[in-house]
Amino acid sequence: MKRRRFLGLIGLAAGSATFGGFTGCSVPGSTGEALTSDVPLPEPFGVPLPIPPVKRPVRRDATTDWYEIVQRPADVELLPGVRTPILGYDGVFPGPTIESRSGRRTVVRHHNRTDVPTVVHLHGGHTPATHDGWPTDLVLPTGDPHHHDHHPGRIARGHRDYVYPLAQPAATLWYHDHRMDFTGPQVYRGLAGFHLVRDPAEEALPLPAGEREIPLMLADRAFAADGSLKYPAVGHEAGTTDDFLEGVLGDVVLVNGAPWPELEVAAARYRFRVLNASNARRYGLTLDPPPPDGPAFVQIGSDAGLLDKPVEHTTVTVAPAERFDLVVDFSGYRAGQLVTLRNTLGAGRTGRVMRFRVTRRVRDDSSVPTRLADVPALVPPAGAVRRRFAFSRGLVGGRKGWVINGRPFDPLRVDAAPRLGEIEVWTISTDLHHPVHIHLSPFQVLSRNGHPPGNLDTGWKDTVDLRPAETVEVAVRFTDYRGRFLLHCHNLEHEDMAMMSTFETK
């Protein structure tokens, strides 16, 4: 079934548009085109860093926590003094943070009170296929007038329960919209939030905690003159206009929904759970000035949990959907000192992310142990199944788009059938920047461009950052759940323009 015919069947196709060629990268370090805001922008560091609210379960029993989230439109203040319409989980951006216990089932009922169909994906969740957020498993708004009798997905009206067994170690996960062809605009409008998994092994470590454990969601956006979010949508928001097929880059860096915020910190260690929730922008994070003694960042965790041992970094490059669990020690700075978190892959305003204001000296009992977690190496056996996935530009129904192995996504086609419990080696290659995400189970990077993995490739990953003309090999072993899952680019405009592939575990 051709992709645009499929969209027409479900009654959501965009109108006609003309499509030219790709115009290349307009921003160093990212594949995408930059938008310019039409509203006056605030000076950086003028607002405090907000912390997303923690959601409370509506009920509990011996095995399960139940939550309810309402997806709805809201007018919020992202820029100071400016009202911006969003789609938000519970009407806020970022959505509320869910905190779960490893091995304890979490059920989240999502009510769709927006004006569009939605899908929820728990990114990094070890989740059965029926609850993973397959892109055509729509939750329709109440009263949706469209007919979906021939739609190739599980349709729910008004709400859906997503069941997460969470048989996985402590990690920084996140949830976001995953609707086919509409992920980019719907995440851009605000449908994203943190989901943290905790376990006793992590809690036994003397890491910074409480007020010194802070989630940081990085998301670039642009704003129209009326304060609304500026996005180059086609028709009814399916895909983007021709000029932005490479990806959408905003000129405002939001951290937890605030533009270039400031955080007051004591002269002590802090744990930052950094998530890049941007559609296409990559960030090169560094501290200015750097600490007088010791590294800028000590990485303790990756996408899918803690590392086996800490890794020191001067700069951390974060691609869309990647998470880095970082400890920053502010004890070397003097009281009153200002420390800027900069983006070496940005320029002008996008070269700054946020600022820290060191306030006072305090007692700090936290530390970073030399041993963090047991992370056994995933060693492929002789004769392991090997698969290749080439991410590149290509034609999608006669239009320019993005393909894997020369083929655009088709929700009815299966491209690989790995067996549960078997280690496979997947070779992934790219033409431009492509952050590649694999659903269901985490993986380990074996090599990058024929050399050992880079120092940002360590630990269990679910998203790997590939730069132009790169090749990585990863070892992956899928467990527990049979069904259809996805491999795709997490540049959301690439994903929407068909850069996804289905594998079905057996």
Protein backbone atom coordinates (compact mmCIF):
# COMPACT_ATOMS: atom_id res chain seq x y z
CA MET A 1 0.00 0.00 0.00
CA LYS A 2 1.49 3.34 -0.99
CA ARG A 3 2.12 5.64 1.93
CA ARG A 4 -0.06 8.56 0.73
CA ARG A 5 -2.88 6.21 -0.24
CA PHE A 6 -2.70 4.76 3.25
CA LEU A 7 -3.00 8.25 4.72
CA GLY A 8 -5.95 8.97 2.49
CA LEU A 9 -7.74 5.86 3.73
CA ILE A 10 -7.58 7.00 7.30
CA GLY A 11 -8.85 10.43 6.34
CA LEU A 12 -5.81 12.37 7.50
CA ALA A 13 -3.90 13.14 4.29
CA ALA A 14 -2.47 16.58 3.74
CA GLY A 15 -3.32 18.65 0.71
CA SER A 16 -1.12 18.76 -2.35
CA ALA A 17 2.23 20.54 -2.18
CA THR A 18 5.24 20.98 -4.43
CA PHE A 19 8.48 19.42 -3.30
CA GLY A 20 11.93 20.41 -4.44
CA GLY A 21 15.34 19.09 -3.58
CA PHE A 22 17.11 18.88 -0.28
CA THR A 23 18.87 22.09 0.65
CA GLY A 24 21.39 20.57 3.07
CA CYS A 25 22.33 21.51 6.62
CA SER A 26 21.85 25.09 7.67
CA VAL A 27 23.20 24.53 11.19
CA PRO A 28 26.58 22.87 11.86
CA GLY A 29 26.24 19.64 13.79
CA SER A 30 22.59 19.01 12.94
CA THR A 31 20.68 17.95 9.84
CA GLY A 32 17.87 20.47 9.58
CA GLU A 33 16.76 23.96 8.62
CA ALA A 34 16.44 26.82 11.08
CA LEU A 35 13.24 28.71 11.80
CA THR A 36 13.32 32.32 12.97
CA SER A 37 10.86 33.50 15.61
CA ASP A 38 8.60 36.46 14.79
CA VAL A 39 7.92 37.46 18.39
CA PRO A 40 10.49 39.46 20.41
CA LEU A 41 12.59 36.99 22.36
CA PRO A 42 13.65 37.42 25.99
CA GLU A 43 17.19 37.88 27.15
CA PRO A 44 18.69 34.58 28.32
CA PHE A 45 18.78 33.64 32.00
CA GLY A 46 15.83 35.79 33.00
CA VAL A 47 13.51 33.04 34.28
CA PRO A 48 14.05 30.27 36.86
CA LEU A 49 14.31 26.64 35.79
CA PRO A 50 10.93 24.93 36.30
CA ILE A 51 10.80 21.32 37.48
CA PRO A 52 8.09 19.15 35.86
CA PRO A 53 5.44 18.06 38.38
CA VAL A 54 5.55 14.45 39.58
CA LYS A 55 2.32 12.59 38.81
CA ARG A 56 0.61 10.69 41.61
CA PRO A 57 -1.17 7.38 40.96
CA VAL A 58 -4.95 7.39 41.21
CA ARG A 59 -4.82 3.99 42.92
CA ARG A 60 -2.44 1.19 43.88
CA ASP A 61 -2.54 -2.45 44.80
CA ALA A 62 0.10 -5.07 45.61
CA THR A 63 1.47 -5.22 42.04
CA THR A 64 0.30 -2.17 40.09
CA ASP A 65 0.17 1.62 40.07
CA TRP A 66 -2.58 3.27 38.00
CA TYR A 67 -2.28 6.74 36.50
CA GLU A 68 -4.58 8.92 34.43
CA ILE A 69 -3.29 11.60 32.06
CA VAL A 70 -5.44 13.94 29.98
CA GLN A 71 -4.00 15.03 26.65
CA ARG A 72 -5.52 18.45 26.04
CA PRO A 73 -4.92 21.87 24.52
CA ALA A 74 -3.85 24.68 26.84
CA ASP A 75 -2.53 28.24 26.72
CA VAL A 76 0.71 28.40 28.69
CA GLU A 77 3.49 30.92 29.29
CA LEU A 78 6.69 29.61 27.73
CA LEU A 79 8.14 33.03 26.86
CA PRO A 80 7.70 35.59 29.65
CA GLY A 81 4.47 37.54 29.19
CA VAL A 82 3.45 35.60 26.06
CA ARG A 83 0.64 33.04 25.88
CA THR A 84 1.34 30.03 23.67
CA PRO A 85 -1.22 27.37 22.67
CA ILE A 86 0.13 23.84 23.17
CA LEU A 87 -1.01 20.26 23.27
CA GLY A 88 0.07 18.98 26.66
CA TYR A 89 -0.15 15.91 28.82
CA ASP A 90 -2.41 17.29 31.57
CA GLY A 91 -2.14 20.58 29.71
CA VAL A 92 1.49 21.26 30.65
CA PHE A 93 4.86 21.11 28.88
CA PRO A 94 6.81 19.05 29.69
CA GLY A 95 4.13 16.61 30.76
CA PRO A 96 4.07 15.36 34.34
CA THR A 97 6.89 13.04 35.39
CA ILE A 98 5.90 9.47 36.24
CA GLU A 99 8.14 7.65 38.72
CA SER A 100 7.89 3.86 38.72
CA ARG A 101 9.58 0.99 40.52
CA SER A 102 11.50 -1.59 38.50
CA GLY A 103 9.43 -4.76 38.19
CA ARG A 104 6.25 -3.10 39.41
CA ARG A 105 3.54 -2.76 36.77
CA THR A 106 2.45 0.73 35.76
CA VAL A 107 -0.83 1.33 33.91
CA VAL A 108 -1.37 4.76 32.38
CA ARG A 109 -4.80 5.65 31.03
CA HIS A 110 -4.42 8.41 28.45
CA HIS A 111 -7.55 10.43 27.68
CA ASN A 112 -7.45 12.18 24.31
CA ARG A 113 -9.15 15.55 24.58
CA THR A 114 -7.13 17.13 21.79
CA ASP A 115 -8.31 17.83 18.25
CA VAL A 116 -6.14 15.10 16.66
CA PRO A 117 -5.59 11.34 16.96
CA THR A 118 -2.64 10.45 19.21
CA VAL A 119 -0.37 7.52 20.03
CA VAL A 120 1.81 7.20 23.15
CA HIS A 121 5.24 5.56 23.08
CA LEU A 122 7.23 4.94 26.27
CA HIS A 123 10.69 5.55 24.83
CA GLY A 124 13.15 3.09 26.37
CA GLY A 125 10.40 0.97 27.89
CA HIS A 126 10.69 -2.81 27.72
CA THR A 127 7.07 -3.07 26.66
CA PRO A 128 4.77 -5.61 24.94
CA ALA A 129 3.95 -4.77 21.34
CA THR A 130 0.29 -3.98 22.04
CA HIS A 131 1.31 -1.21 24.46
CA ASP A 132 4.49 0.04 22.75
CA GLY A 133 2.80 2.80 20.77
CA TRP A 134 2.64 1.32 17.27
CA PRO A 135 2.24 4.41 15.03
CA THR A 136 -1.16 3.41 13.64
CA ASP A 137 -2.67 2.33 16.98
CA LEU A 138 -4.62 5.55 17.30
CA VAL A 139 -6.45 7.00 20.26
CA LEU A 140 -9.13 9.14 18.67
CA PRO A 141 -10.51 12.29 20.24
CA THR A 142 -13.98 11.91 21.68
CA GLY A 143 -16.44 12.65 18.88
CA ASP A 144 -13.89 12.17 16.08
CA PRO A 145 -15.98 12.29 12.85
CA HIS A 146 -13.60 10.23 10.70
CA HIS A 147 -14.35 6.64 9.79
CA HIS A 148 -11.53 4.18 10.44
CA ASP A 149 -13.06 0.87 9.33
CA HIS A 150 -10.11 0.09 7.02
CA HIS A 151 -7.38 1.48 9.24
CA PRO A 152 -4.54 -1.04 9.81
CA GLY A 153 -4.20 -0.47 13.53
CA ARG A 154 -5.91 -0.87 16.89
CA ILE A 155 -8.35 2.02 17.26
CA ALA A 156 -9.48 3.35 20.63
CA ARG A 157 -11.96 6.15 21.08
CA GLY A 158 -11.51 8.67 23.85
CA HIS A 159 -8.91 6.82 25.90
CA ARG A 160 -6.52 3.85 26.04
CA ASP A 161 -4.77 2.02 28.87
CA TYR A 162 -1.04 1.53 28.30
CA VAL A 163 0.36 -1.30 30.43
CA TYR A 164 4.07 -1.20 31.27
CA PRO A 165 5.55 -4.22 33.11
CA LEU A 166 8.84 -2.31 33.60
CA ALA A 167 10.90 -5.48 34.06
CA GLN A 168 14.06 -3.41 33.56
CA PRO A 169 16.65 -1.63 35.69
CA ALA A 170 16.48 1.97 36.86
CA ALA A 171 16.69 4.39 33.92
CA THR A 172 15.59 7.74 32.52
CA LEU A 173 12.75 7.02 30.10
CA TRP A 174 10.38 9.45 28.42
CA TYR A 175 6.97 9.28 26.83
CA HIS A 176 5.89 11.12 23.69
CA ASP A 177 3.48 11.06 20.80
CA HIS A 178 4.28 8.51 18.09
CA ARG A 179 1.52 8.92 15.51
CA MET A 180 2.48 7.96 11.98
CA ASP A 181 3.41 11.01 9.86
CA PHE A 182 2.49 13.39 12.69
CA THR A 183 5.09 12.72 15.40
CA GLY A 184 7.10 15.86 14.56
CA PRO A 185 4.32 18.45 14.86
CA GLN A 186 2.64 16.76 17.83
CA VAL A 187 5.81 16.48 19.91
CA TYR A 188 6.70 20.04 18.84
CA ARG A 189 3.32 21.19 20.17
CA GLY A 190 4.16 19.71 23.58
CA LEU A 191 3.38 16.00 23.83
CA ALA A 192 6.46 14.81 25.75
CA GLY A 193 7.30 14.02 29.37
CA PHE A 194 9.70 12.11 31.65
CA HIS A 195 9.12 8.60 33.01
CA LEU A 196 11.74 7.58 35.58
CA VAL A 197 12.30 3.99 36.69
CA ARG A 198 13.92 3.46 40.08
CA ASP A 199 15.31 0.35 41.76
CA PRO A 200 17.02 -0.58 45.05
CA ALA A 201 20.46 -1.04 43.48
CA GLU A 202 20.55 2.54 42.23
CA GLU A 203 19.10 3.93 45.46
CA ALA A 204 21.85 2.22 47.46
CA LEU A 205 24.48 4.35 45.69
CA PRO A 206 25.59 7.62 47.34
CA LEU A 207 24.64 9.70 44.28
CA PRO A 208 23.12 13.18 44.56
CA ALA A 209 19.41 12.87 45.30
CA GLY A 210 16.35 14.83 46.35
CA GLU A 211 16.60 18.49 45.33
CA ARG A 212 19.98 17.77 43.75
CA GLU A 213 18.59 15.26 41.25
CA ILE A 214 17.09 17.29 38.43
CA PRO A 215 15.61 16.29 35.05
CA LEU A 216 16.54 18.58 32.15
CA MET A 217 14.45 18.32 28.97
CA LEU A 218 16.13 20.24 26.12
CA ALA A 219 13.82 21.28 23.29
CA ASP A 220 14.29 23.99 20.68
CA ARG A 221 11.25 25.84 19.36
CA ALA A 222 10.37 28.91 17.28
CA PHE A 223 7.46 31.28 17.89
CA ALA A 224 5.10 33.13 15.56
CA ALA A 225 4.20 36.79 16.07
CA ASP A 226 1.05 35.86 18.03
CA GLY A 227 3.07 33.69 20.43
CA SER A 228 2.03 30.37 18.91
CA LEU A 229 4.58 27.70 18.12
CA LYS A 230 5.90 28.15 14.60
CA TYR A 231 6.06 24.88 12.66
CA PRO A 232 6.20 24.39 8.85
CA ALA A 233 3.28 22.01 8.59
CA VAL A 234 1.67 20.87 5.34
CA GLY A 235 -2.10 20.88 5.14
CA HIS A 236 -3.52 19.39 8.30
CA GLU A 237 -0.04 19.10 9.82
CA ALA A 238 0.97 15.88 8.08
CA GLY A 239 4.71 16.13 7.50
CA THR A 240 6.53 19.40 6.84
CA THR A 241 6.92 21.76 3.94
CA ASP A 242 9.49 20.98 1.32
CA ASP A 243 12.15 23.29 2.79
CA PHE A 244 12.16 21.52 6.17
CA LEU A 245 12.32 17.85 5.20
CA GLU A 246 15.84 17.76 6.67
CA GLY A 247 14.46 18.63 10.11
CA VAL A 248 13.03 21.57 12.04
CA LEU A 249 15.39 23.66 14.17
CA GLY A 250 14.05 26.40 16.44
CA ASP A 251 15.88 29.53 17.58
CA VAL A 252 14.76 29.30 21.23
CA VAL A 253 16.30 26.72 23.55
CA LEU A 254 13.77 25.61 26.15
CA VAL A 255 14.83 23.68 29.24
CA ASN A 256 11.86 22.09 30.99
CA GLY A 257 9.71 24.45 28.92
CA ALA A 258 11.52 27.67 29.92
CA PRO A 259 13.74 29.77 27.60
CA TRP A 260 17.40 29.78 28.67
CA PRO A 261 16.54 29.46 32.39
CA GLU A 262 18.72 29.94 35.45
CA LEU A 263 19.08 27.50 38.34
CA GLU A 264 20.46 28.41 41.75
CA VAL A 265 22.77 25.64 42.96
CA ALA A 266 24.77 25.09 46.11
CA ALA A 267 28.50 24.41 45.87
CA ALA A 268 27.86 20.65 45.81
CA ARG A 269 27.31 17.75 43.42
CA TYR A 270 24.15 17.63 41.32
CA ARG A 271 22.73 14.84 39.22
CA PHE A 272 21.18 15.99 35.94
CA ARG A 273 19.06 13.61 33.85
CA VAL A 274 19.57 15.22 30.44
CA LEU A 275 17.08 14.42 27.66
CA ASN A 276 17.22 15.87 24.15
CA ALA A 277 13.54 16.14 23.19
CA SER A 278 14.22 18.37 20.17
CA ASN A 279 12.88 17.35 16.78
CA ALA A 280 16.26 17.55 15.01
CA ARG A 281 18.81 19.61 16.96
CA ARG A 282 21.94 18.08 18.48
CA TYR A 283 23.65 19.76 21.44
CA GLY A 284 27.32 19.88 22.37
CA LEU A 285 27.11 20.59 26.11
CA THR A 286 29.98 22.24 27.95
CA LEU A 287 30.41 24.40 31.06
CA ASP A 288 31.71 27.97 30.90
CA PRO A 289 33.87 28.44 32.87
CA PRO A 290 34.87 24.82 33.38
CA PRO A 291 35.40 23.62 36.94
CA PRO A 292 38.81 24.68 38.28
CA ASP A 293 39.45 21.10 39.38
CA GLY A 294 38.08 17.92 37.85
CA PRO A 295 35.93 17.21 34.80
CA ALA A 296 32.94 19.26 33.68
CA PHE A 297 30.69 16.17 33.62
CA VAL A 298 30.87 12.73 35.14
CA GLN A 299 28.56 10.42 33.21
CA ILE A 300 26.91 7.79 35.39
CA GLY A 301 24.16 6.58 33.07
CA SER A 302 23.05 6.28 29.48
CA ASP A 303 19.69 5.76 27.76
CA ALA A 304 18.75 2.50 29.43
CA GLY A 305 20.37 2.77 32.87
CA LEU A 306 23.53 3.14 34.87
CA LEU A 307 27.00 2.53 33.43
CA ASP A 308 29.29 -0.03 35.02
CA LYS A 309 31.70 2.77 35.98
CA PRO A 310 31.69 6.56 35.63
CA VAL A 311 33.10 8.27 32.56
CA GLU A 312 34.52 11.80 32.61
CA HIS A 313 33.74 14.30 29.85
CA THR A 314 34.64 17.86 28.95
CA THR A 315 31.86 18.02 26.35
CA VAL A 316 28.78 15.81 25.93
CA THR A 317 27.06 15.64 22.54
CA VAL A 318 23.38 14.74 22.84
CA ALA A 319 21.38 13.73 19.76
CA PRO A 320 17.56 13.79 19.64
CA ALA A 321 16.05 11.18 22.03
CA GLU A 322 19.36 10.39 23.76
CA ARG A 323 19.61 10.62 27.55
CA PHE A 324 22.76 11.24 29.56
CA ASP A 325 22.81 10.91 33.35
CA LEU A 326 25.46 13.44 34.41
CA VAL A 327 26.93 14.56 37.74
CA VAL A 328 28.29 18.11 37.96
CA ASP A 329 30.35 19.13 40.98
CA PHE A 330 29.94 22.84 41.72
CA SER A 331 32.13 22.75 44.84
CA GLY A 332 35.11 24.21 42.96
CA TYR A 333 33.24 27.40 42.09
CA ARG A 334 33.04 30.35 44.46
CA ALA A 335 29.75 31.57 45.93
CA GLY A 336 28.06 34.01 43.57
CA GLN A 337 29.79 32.66 40.47
CA LEU A 338 27.79 32.26 37.27
CA VAL A 339 28.31 29.10 35.18
CA THR A 340 26.78 28.85 31.69
CA LEU A 341 25.78 25.56 30.09
CA ARG A 342 26.72 26.21 26.49
CA ASN A 343 25.94 24.44 23.23
CA THR A 344 29.07 24.19 21.08
CA LEU A 345 26.87 23.10 18.13
CA GLY A 346 24.82 26.30 18.25
CA ALA A 347 25.48 29.93 17.42
CA GLY A 348 24.17 33.14 18.92
CA ARG A 349 21.22 32.43 21.19
CA THR A 350 21.25 28.70 20.41
CA GLY A 351 24.84 28.57 21.62
CA ARG A 352 23.50 28.94 25.18
CA VAL A 353 21.29 26.46 27.02
CA MET A 354 20.92 27.64 30.64
CA ARG A 355 22.89 29.15 33.51
CA PHE A 356 23.75 28.07 37.04
CA ARG A 357 24.17 30.57 39.88
CA VAL A 358 26.32 29.15 42.69
CA THR A 359 24.81 30.41 45.95
CA ARG A 360 26.56 29.01 49.01
CA ARG A 361 28.73 26.27 50.44
CA VAL A 362 26.94 23.34 52.05
CA ARG A 363 27.73 19.92 53.46
CA ASP A 364 27.68 17.33 50.68
CA ASP A 365 27.60 13.64 51.59
CA SER A 366 27.14 12.47 48.00
CA SER A 367 29.84 10.83 45.89
CA VAL A 368 30.29 8.98 42.62
CA PRO A 369 31.49 5.45 43.32
CA THR A 370 34.01 3.81 41.01
CA ARG A 371 31.58 0.94 40.50
CA LEU A 372 27.99 1.77 39.57
CA ALA A 373 26.18 -1.27 38.17
CA ASP A 374 26.65 -4.69 36.65
CA VAL A 375 26.62 -4.21 32.87
CA PRO A 376 27.62 -7.50 31.26
CA ALA A 377 29.02 -7.26 27.75
CA LEU A 378 26.69 -8.44 25.01
CA VAL A 379 29.07 -10.70 23.06
CA PRO A 380 27.76 -12.00 19.71
CA PRO A 381 28.46 -15.70 19.21
CA ALA A 382 30.15 -17.07 16.13
CA GLY A 383 27.58 -17.27 13.39
CA ALA A 384 25.33 -14.59 14.91
CA VAL A 385 22.68 -13.23 12.55
CA ARG A 386 23.86 -9.99 10.94
CA ARG A 387 21.58 -7.39 9.42
CA ARG A 388 22.33 -4.12 7.63
CA PHE A 389 20.24 -0.95 7.71
CA ALA A 390 21.20 2.00 5.48
CA PHE A 391 19.55 5.32 6.42
CA SER A 392 19.42 7.72 3.48
CA ARG A 393 17.41 10.13 1.37
CA GLY A 394 14.99 8.57 -1.08
CA LEU A 395 11.62 8.74 -2.77
CA VAL A 396 8.41 8.29 -0.80
CA GLY A 397 5.42 7.88 -3.09
CA GLY A 398 7.13 9.98 -5.75
CA ARG A 399 8.12 12.70 -3.30
CA LYS A 400 11.45 13.32 -1.63
CA GLY A 401 11.70 11.77 1.81
CA TRP A 402 13.79 9.42 3.91
CA VAL A 403 14.19 5.66 3.58
CA ILE A 404 15.86 2.64 5.17
CA ASN A 405 17.51 0.21 2.75
CA GLY A 406 15.92 2.17 -0.06
CA ARG A 407 12.35 1.56 1.15
CA PRO A 408 9.91 3.90 2.88
CA PHE A 409 7.96 2.72 5.91
CA ASP A 410 4.91 0.59 5.24
CA PRO A 411 2.92 -0.36 8.35
CA LEU A 412 1.89 -3.63 6.68
CA ARG A 413 5.43 -4.81 5.81
CA VAL A 414 7.90 -6.65 8.07
CA ASP A 415 11.59 -6.15 7.24
CA ALA A 416 13.28 -8.41 9.82
CA ALA A 417 12.26 -11.29 12.09
CA PRO A 418 14.74 -11.72 14.98
CA ARG A 419 14.30 -14.58 17.41
CA LEU A 420 13.81 -13.83 21.08
CA GLY A 421 16.87 -14.50 23.20
CA GLU A 422 19.38 -14.54 20.34
CA ILE A 423 22.13 -11.92 20.04
CA GLU A 424 22.26 -10.30 16.62
CA VAL A 425 24.65 -7.77 15.09
CA TRP A 426 23.03 -4.85 13.31
CA THR A 427 25.14 -2.62 11.07
CA ILE A 428 23.67 0.87 10.67
CA SER A 429 24.99 3.37 8.12
CA THR A 430 23.96 6.92 7.30
CA ASP A 431 24.18 9.68 4.71
CA LEU A 432 23.53 12.62 7.08
CA HIS A 433 22.87 12.97 10.82
CA HIS A 434 20.51 10.23 11.95
CA PRO A 435 19.87 9.38 15.63
CA VAL A 436 18.70 5.76 15.32
CA HIS A 437 16.26 4.35 17.88
CA ILE A 438 15.45 0.65 18.35
CA HIS A 439 12.31 -0.31 20.25
CA LEU A 440 11.77 -3.13 22.79
CA SER A 441 15.29 -3.92 24.04
CA PRO A 442 18.48 -1.91 24.57
CA PHE A 443 21.68 -2.58 22.68
CA GLN A 444 25.43 -2.10 23.03
CA VAL A 445 27.64 -0.35 20.48
CA LEU A 446 30.37 -2.70 19.22
CA SER A 447 32.21 -0.40 16.82
CA ARG A 448 32.06 2.99 15.14
CA ASN A 449 33.51 3.37 11.64
CA GLY A 450 35.52 0.19 12.11
CA HIS A 451 37.08 1.43 15.35
CA PRO A 452 36.15 0.88 19.01
CA PRO A 453 33.05 2.69 20.28
CA GLY A 454 33.37 6.35 21.22
CA ASN A 455 33.38 7.49 24.85
CA LEU A 456 29.72 8.55 24.51
CA ASP A 457 28.68 5.10 23.23
CA THR A 458 29.10 3.32 26.57
CA GLY A 459 26.46 1.36 28.45
CA TRP A 460 23.02 0.19 27.41
CA LYS A 461 21.65 2.36 24.62
CA ASP A 462 18.31 2.58 22.83
CA THR A 463 19.32 5.48 20.57
CA VAL A 464 22.67 5.87 18.84
CA ASP A 465 23.94 9.14 17.34
CA LEU A 466 25.27 8.72 13.81
CA ARG A 467 26.96 11.60 12.04
CA PRO A 468 27.12 11.93 8.22
CA ALA A 469 28.65 8.96 6.40
CA GLU A 470 29.14 6.93 9.58
CA THR A 471 28.67 3.24 10.31
CA VAL A 472 28.11 1.64 13.68
CA GLU A 473 27.72 -1.98 14.67
CA VAL A 474 25.46 -2.78 17.62
CA ALA A 475 24.75 -6.02 19.46
CA VAL A 476 21.10 -6.46 20.36
CA ARG A 477 19.13 -9.23 22.06
CA PHE A 478 15.35 -8.98 22.14
CA THR A 479 13.60 -10.68 25.05
CA ASP A 480 10.17 -11.47 26.50
CA TYR A 481 7.70 -10.05 23.96
CA ARG A 482 6.69 -11.27 20.53
CA GLY A 483 5.22 -8.88 18.02
CA ARG A 484 5.94 -5.94 15.74
CA PHE A 485 8.35 -3.22 16.81
CA LEU A 486 10.20 -0.37 15.13
CA LEU A 487 13.66 0.74 14.11
CA HIS A 488 13.67 4.40 13.03
CA CYS A 489 15.41 7.74 12.86
CA HIS A 490 14.56 10.04 15.76
CA ASN A 491 14.95 13.18 13.72
CA LEU A 492 11.17 13.52 13.83
CA GLU A 493 10.83 15.02 10.36
CA HIS A 494 12.81 12.08 8.96
CA GLU A 495 10.58 9.68 10.88
CA ASP A 496 7.43 11.37 9.58
CA MET A 497 8.75 11.22 6.04
CA ALA A 498 8.98 7.41 6.15
CA MET A 499 12.35 6.64 7.83
CA MET A 500 11.03 3.68 9.84
CA SER A 501 11.36 -0.08 9.52
CA THR A 502 9.39 -2.90 11.17
CA PHE A 503 10.91 -5.96 12.81
CA GLU A 504 8.78 -8.74 14.23
CA THR A 505 10.17 -10.80 17.09
CA LYS A 506 9.52 -14.54 16.95
